[in-house]
């Protein structure tokens, strides 16, 4: 026979336990949801860590150990965040080159985001002839764009309703040097590209602590309009300045030359361009975050 007192106690325990279990389940779901949301926030400090990691390899000039280490670092970081990674090896003007392509998402729309990772062989904007023979550290000119793409790789959702490629171009920065030219990696990529992407966005020199991103004159106007509009909606119109300035040869140029929609997001008013002063202290996590926030919002809306 069951003791009525024990039966009553059991009911009371059950009555107390069920609400506690329900609360625990709700808290778990909220915590999990919050965790997932936090992963969608572009972290400027994380991006800045990618800048410092590249600088720690030394100059990423073609054929150097720093160049090889950067290739390995980019691949490893992308694979850890679940992207499908392809390494495209080719050559241009007799120089070997390695472009890295990360892919995610499916759908009718196809977006390419690109940045170059090589650094310039000669700091030819230095006043001293001796300094001009030294390689550029490439904190902003090279590392900043790569850092933005690597942090986007972390925060972009695994399930995308569009196809997104993150492309890391080699041999962008060696023009005006005998036996070399500009944008060799992106030109080779476009020469071998199959299909028609809907939009191409290049990020180059986007980490300047004094960030001023003007509309680059050769870029596709409607694409610039769309991204600058997102920047204004996020409160970043001070940094994404809605005024045309500079017409540049950059990694967006080969895409434009084939009739594709492409833009160059770049702060070309950077006083340390192609000098030995292009160091980590000239780059700000906040600048990386501003650019990352805008691209993330544009991609996921």
Protein backbone atom coordinates (compact mmCIF):
# COMPACT_ATOMS: atom_id res chain seq x y z
CA UNK A 1 0.00 0.00 0.00
CA UNK A 2 1.23 3.49 -0.86
CA UNK A 3 1.58 5.88 2.01
CA UNK A 4 -0.73 8.88 1.19
CA UNK A 5 1.76 11.27 2.75
CA UNK A 6 4.53 10.02 0.47
CA UNK A 7 2.20 10.24 -2.52
CA UNK A 8 1.41 13.86 -1.66
CA UNK A 9 5.11 14.66 -1.23
CA UNK A 10 5.85 13.19 -4.65
CA UNK A 11 3.21 15.37 -6.24
CA UNK A 12 4.66 18.46 -4.58
CA UNK A 13 8.18 17.56 -5.77
CA UNK A 14 6.87 17.01 -9.28
CA UNK A 15 4.98 20.31 -9.16
CA UNK A 16 8.15 22.11 -8.15
CA UNK A 17 10.45 20.25 -10.56
CA UNK A 18 8.50 20.77 -13.78
CA UNK A 19 8.62 24.59 -13.69
CA UNK A 20 12.34 24.45 -12.84
CA UNK A 21 12.97 22.15 -15.79
CA UNK A 22 10.96 24.43 -18.05
CA UNK A 23 12.97 27.45 -16.88
CA UNK A 24 16.21 25.56 -17.48
CA UNK A 25 15.15 24.65 -21.03
CA UNK A 26 14.17 28.25 -21.80
CA UNK A 27 17.45 29.57 -20.40
CA UNK A 28 19.38 27.04 -22.50
CA UNK A 29 17.55 28.06 -25.66
CA UNK A 30 18.04 31.74 -24.94
CA UNK A 31 21.72 31.25 -24.20
CA UNK A 32 22.19 29.17 -27.34
CA UNK A 33 20.33 31.74 -29.43
CA UNK A 34 22.39 34.55 -27.90
CA UNK A 35 25.58 32.64 -28.65
CA UNK A 36 24.55 32.18 -32.27
CA UNK A 37 23.72 35.88 -32.56
CA UNK A 38 27.06 36.88 -31.06
CA UNK A 39 28.85 34.93 -33.75
CA UNK A 40 27.19 37.18 -36.32
CA UNK A 41 28.90 40.27 -34.89
CA UNK A 42 32.01 41.39 -36.75
CA UNK A 43 34.80 41.75 -34.17
CA UNK A 44 37.35 44.44 -35.03
CA UNK A 45 39.79 43.15 -32.42
CA UNK A 46 39.72 39.67 -33.94
CA UNK A 47 40.34 41.17 -37.36
CA UNK A 48 43.25 43.15 -35.95
CA UNK A 49 44.74 39.91 -34.61
CA UNK A 50 44.79 38.67 -38.21
CA UNK A 51 46.72 41.80 -39.17
CA UNK A 52 49.32 41.13 -36.48
CA UNK A 53 49.55 37.45 -37.40
CA UNK A 54 50.46 38.37 -40.98
CA UNK A 55 53.01 40.94 -39.86
CA UNK A 56 54.61 38.33 -37.60
CA UNK A 57 55.49 36.34 -40.73
CA UNK A 58 57.53 39.28 -41.99
CA UNK A 59 57.15 40.84 -45.46
CA UNK A 60 54.89 38.69 -47.68
CA UNK A 61 56.86 39.39 -50.83
CA UNK A 62 56.58 36.80 -53.63
CA UNK A 63 58.77 33.75 -53.02
CA UNK A 64 59.58 34.64 -49.39
CA UNK A 65 58.97 32.48 -46.33
CA UNK A 66 56.51 35.08 -45.08
CA UNK A 67 54.57 34.70 -48.32
CA UNK A 68 54.41 30.91 -47.92
CA UNK A 69 53.44 31.20 -44.23
CA UNK A 70 50.61 33.58 -45.12
CA UNK A 71 49.23 31.17 -47.72
CA UNK A 72 49.16 28.41 -45.09
CA UNK A 73 47.63 30.73 -42.47
CA UNK A 74 44.80 31.87 -44.73
CA UNK A 75 43.92 28.31 -45.71
CA UNK A 76 44.04 27.05 -42.13
CA UNK A 77 41.86 29.90 -40.83
CA UNK A 78 39.26 29.39 -43.56
CA UNK A 79 39.05 25.63 -43.05
CA UNK A 80 38.62 26.07 -39.30
CA UNK A 81 35.56 28.22 -40.00
CA UNK A 82 34.05 25.61 -42.28
CA UNK A 83 34.65 27.06 -45.73
CA UNK A 84 35.40 24.99 -48.81
CA UNK A 85 38.91 26.06 -49.81
CA UNK A 86 40.61 25.82 -53.20
CA UNK A 87 44.18 26.78 -54.00
CA UNK A 88 44.71 27.98 -57.55
CA UNK A 89 48.34 27.83 -58.62
CA UNK A 90 49.40 29.48 -61.83
CA UNK A 91 52.03 31.85 -63.19
CA UNK A 92 52.25 35.32 -64.70
CA UNK A 93 55.24 36.93 -66.45
CA UNK A 94 57.23 33.86 -65.43
CA UNK A 95 56.41 34.27 -61.71
CA UNK A 96 54.51 31.56 -59.82
CA UNK A 97 51.35 32.78 -58.12
CA UNK A 98 48.85 31.33 -55.67
CA UNK A 99 45.27 32.56 -55.41
CA UNK A 100 43.16 31.18 -52.55
CA UNK A 101 39.39 30.77 -52.98
CA UNK A 102 36.92 30.01 -50.18
CA UNK A 103 33.32 29.14 -51.08
CA UNK A 104 30.07 28.95 -49.13
CA UNK A 105 26.33 29.10 -49.84
CA UNK A 106 24.01 28.25 -52.71
CA UNK A 107 21.48 30.20 -54.70
CA UNK A 108 20.98 32.21 -57.85
CA UNK A 109 23.11 35.13 -56.65
CA UNK A 110 26.92 34.93 -56.67
CA UNK A 111 29.09 37.44 -54.82
CA UNK A 112 32.91 37.62 -54.82
CA UNK A 113 34.80 39.48 -52.09
CA UNK A 114 38.52 39.89 -52.73
CA UNK A 115 41.73 41.20 -51.17
CA UNK A 116 45.42 40.82 -51.98
CA UNK A 117 47.86 39.30 -49.49
CA UNK A 118 51.26 39.95 -51.11
CA UNK A 119 53.36 42.91 -50.01
CA UNK A 120 55.52 45.14 -52.17
CA UNK A 121 59.13 44.20 -52.80
CA UNK A 122 60.40 47.80 -52.66
CA UNK A 123 59.33 50.69 -50.42
CA UNK A 124 59.78 53.05 -53.35
CA UNK A 125 58.01 56.02 -51.71
CA UNK A 126 60.75 56.35 -49.11
CA UNK A 127 63.10 59.31 -49.47
CA UNK A 128 66.26 57.35 -48.76
CA UNK A 129 67.63 55.30 -51.66
CA UNK A 130 68.69 52.61 -49.20
CA UNK A 131 65.20 52.45 -47.65
CA UNK A 132 63.66 52.20 -51.12
CA UNK A 133 65.29 48.79 -51.54
CA UNK A 134 63.58 47.41 -48.42
CA UNK A 135 60.27 45.48 -48.52
CA UNK A 136 57.07 47.15 -47.31
CA UNK A 137 55.68 45.73 -44.02
CA UNK A 138 52.17 45.86 -45.50
CA UNK A 139 50.02 46.35 -42.42
CA UNK A 140 47.32 48.34 -44.19
CA UNK A 141 48.37 47.61 -47.78
CA UNK A 142 47.64 43.91 -47.82
CA UNK A 143 47.04 42.68 -44.28
CA UNK A 144 43.97 44.84 -43.55
CA UNK A 145 41.90 43.55 -46.47
CA UNK A 146 42.85 39.95 -45.72
CA UNK A 147 41.93 40.47 -42.05
CA UNK A 148 38.46 41.76 -42.95
CA UNK A 149 37.78 38.75 -45.18
CA UNK A 150 39.02 36.27 -42.54
CA UNK A 151 36.77 37.78 -39.87
CA UNK A 152 33.84 37.75 -42.32
CA UNK A 153 34.60 34.06 -42.85
CA UNK A 154 33.99 33.52 -39.14
CA UNK A 155 30.74 35.47 -38.84
CA UNK A 156 28.95 34.70 -42.10
CA UNK A 157 26.32 31.99 -41.53
CA UNK A 158 27.03 28.51 -42.84
CA UNK A 159 23.68 28.45 -44.63
CA UNK A 160 23.58 31.29 -47.14
CA UNK A 161 20.87 31.80 -49.77
CA UNK A 162 23.52 33.08 -52.16
CA UNK A 163 26.92 31.82 -53.25
CA UNK A 164 29.78 33.75 -51.67
CA UNK A 165 33.45 33.47 -52.60
CA UNK A 166 36.25 34.98 -50.57
CA UNK A 167 39.26 35.32 -52.87
CA UNK A 168 42.78 36.13 -51.68
CA UNK A 169 44.83 37.40 -54.61
CA UNK A 170 48.57 37.04 -55.07
CA UNK A 171 50.92 39.39 -56.97
CA UNK A 172 48.84 42.57 -56.83
CA UNK A 173 51.47 44.99 -55.64
CA UNK A 174 54.60 44.62 -57.80
CA UNK A 175 54.04 47.17 -60.57
CA UNK A 176 56.73 49.59 -61.73
CA UNK A 177 59.39 46.97 -60.96
CA UNK A 178 61.37 45.44 -63.82
CA UNK A 179 59.99 42.05 -64.81
CA UNK A 180 56.76 42.54 -62.83
CA UNK A 181 53.41 44.30 -63.18
CA UNK A 182 50.35 45.22 -61.12
CA UNK A 183 47.30 42.98 -60.42
CA UNK A 184 48.79 39.78 -61.85
CA UNK A 185 46.89 37.50 -59.46
CA UNK A 186 43.45 38.97 -60.09
CA UNK A 187 44.04 39.18 -63.85
CA UNK A 188 44.98 35.50 -63.93
CA UNK A 189 41.93 34.67 -61.80
CA UNK A 190 39.59 36.51 -64.19
CA UNK A 191 41.25 34.91 -67.24
CA UNK A 192 40.32 31.51 -65.83
CA UNK A 193 36.95 32.40 -64.31
CA UNK A 194 33.95 30.41 -65.50
CA UNK A 195 30.53 31.94 -65.04
CA UNK A 196 29.29 35.44 -64.26
CA UNK A 197 29.29 36.70 -60.67
CA UNK A 198 26.60 39.25 -59.84
CA UNK A 199 28.99 41.52 -57.94
CA UNK A 200 32.67 41.76 -57.06
CA UNK A 201 33.86 43.78 -54.05
CA UNK A 202 37.56 44.40 -53.46
CA UNK A 203 38.78 45.61 -50.05
CA UNK A 204 42.25 47.18 -50.09
CA UNK A 205 43.87 49.48 -47.51
CA UNK A 206 40.77 49.56 -45.30
CA UNK A 207 42.43 49.62 -41.87
CA UNK A 208 43.73 53.20 -41.75
CA UNK A 209 43.21 54.62 -38.25
CA UNK A 210 42.07 57.82 -40.00
CA UNK A 211 39.58 56.08 -42.25
CA UNK A 212 38.25 57.95 -45.30
CA UNK A 213 36.62 55.75 -47.92
CA UNK A 214 35.64 57.80 -50.96
CA UNK A 215 33.81 56.40 -53.97
CA UNK A 216 36.44 55.10 -56.40
CA UNK A 217 35.69 56.57 -59.83
CA UNK A 218 36.00 53.46 -62.03
CA UNK A 219 33.80 51.29 -59.79
CA UNK A 220 30.28 50.27 -60.86
CA UNK A 221 28.07 53.16 -59.61
CA UNK A 222 24.99 51.10 -58.70
CA UNK A 223 27.09 48.75 -56.58
CA UNK A 224 28.79 51.67 -54.85
CA UNK A 225 25.36 53.23 -54.23
CA UNK A 226 24.07 50.06 -52.58
CA UNK A 227 27.03 49.59 -50.23
CA UNK A 228 27.37 53.28 -49.35
CA UNK A 229 23.64 53.32 -48.57
CA UNK A 230 24.10 50.45 -46.09
CA UNK A 231 27.03 52.32 -44.53
CA UNK A 232 24.86 55.41 -44.05
CA UNK A 233 22.06 53.34 -42.50
CA UNK A 234 24.57 51.94 -40.01
CA UNK A 235 25.74 55.44 -39.10
CA UNK A 236 29.07 55.16 -40.92
CA UNK A 237 28.56 57.94 -43.49
CA UNK A 238 31.49 59.81 -41.90
CA UNK A 239 33.81 57.03 -43.10
CA UNK A 240 32.06 55.93 -46.31
CA UNK A 241 32.13 59.36 -47.90
CA UNK A 242 29.60 59.80 -50.69
CA UNK A 243 31.99 61.70 -52.99
CA UNK A 244 33.98 60.44 -55.99
CA UNK A 245 37.76 60.54 -55.58
CA UNK A 246 40.62 58.70 -57.30
CA UNK A 247 40.46 56.44 -60.36
CA UNK A 248 42.60 53.42 -59.55
CA UNK A 249 44.07 50.34 -61.13
CA UNK A 250 43.39 47.63 -58.56
CA UNK A 251 42.10 44.07 -58.29
CA UNK A 252 38.62 45.16 -59.38
CA UNK A 253 39.96 46.32 -62.77
CA UNK A 254 40.18 42.91 -64.52
CA UNK A 255 36.55 42.23 -63.57
CA UNK A 256 35.42 45.62 -64.90
CA UNK A 257 37.31 45.01 -68.14
CA UNK A 258 35.20 41.91 -68.78
CA UNK A 259 31.93 43.78 -68.17
CA UNK A 260 31.32 42.59 -64.61
CA UNK A 261 29.99 44.77 -61.81
CA UNK A 262 32.88 45.47 -59.46
CA UNK A 263 34.00 48.05 -56.93
CA UNK A 264 37.12 48.94 -54.99
CA UNK A 265 36.68 49.90 -51.33
CA UNK A 266 39.93 51.67 -50.57
CA UNK A 267 41.35 54.54 -48.53
CA UNK A 268 43.96 55.80 -50.98
CA UNK A 269 44.72 58.89 -48.91
CA UNK A 270 47.03 56.80 -46.75
CA UNK A 271 50.32 58.63 -46.14
CA UNK A 272 52.31 55.46 -45.40
CA UNK A 273 51.49 53.72 -48.71
CA UNK A 274 54.55 51.89 -50.08
CA UNK A 275 56.77 53.05 -47.20
CA UNK A 276 58.45 51.33 -44.27
CA UNK A 277 55.93 53.08 -41.98
CA UNK A 278 53.04 50.88 -43.11
CA UNK A 279 53.09 49.19 -39.70
CA UNK A 280 50.52 47.81 -37.26
CA UNK A 281 50.21 51.03 -35.27
CA UNK A 282 48.76 52.74 -38.36
CA UNK A 283 45.83 50.30 -38.43
CA UNK A 284 42.84 50.52 -36.06
CA UNK A 285 40.47 47.68 -35.05
CA UNK A 286 37.59 50.16 -35.27
CA UNK A 287 38.33 50.86 -38.94
CA UNK A 288 38.35 47.14 -39.71
CA UNK A 289 35.04 46.78 -37.86
CA UNK A 290 33.41 49.63 -39.79
CA UNK A 291 34.21 47.98 -43.12
CA UNK A 292 33.31 44.53 -41.81
CA UNK A 293 29.98 45.70 -40.40
CA UNK A 294 28.99 47.27 -43.71
CA UNK A 295 29.91 44.23 -45.80
CA UNK A 296 28.23 41.82 -43.38
CA UNK A 297 25.01 43.86 -43.40
CA UNK A 298 25.09 44.17 -47.18
CA UNK A 299 25.63 40.44 -47.65
CA UNK A 300 23.02 39.20 -45.16
CA UNK A 301 20.14 41.59 -45.82
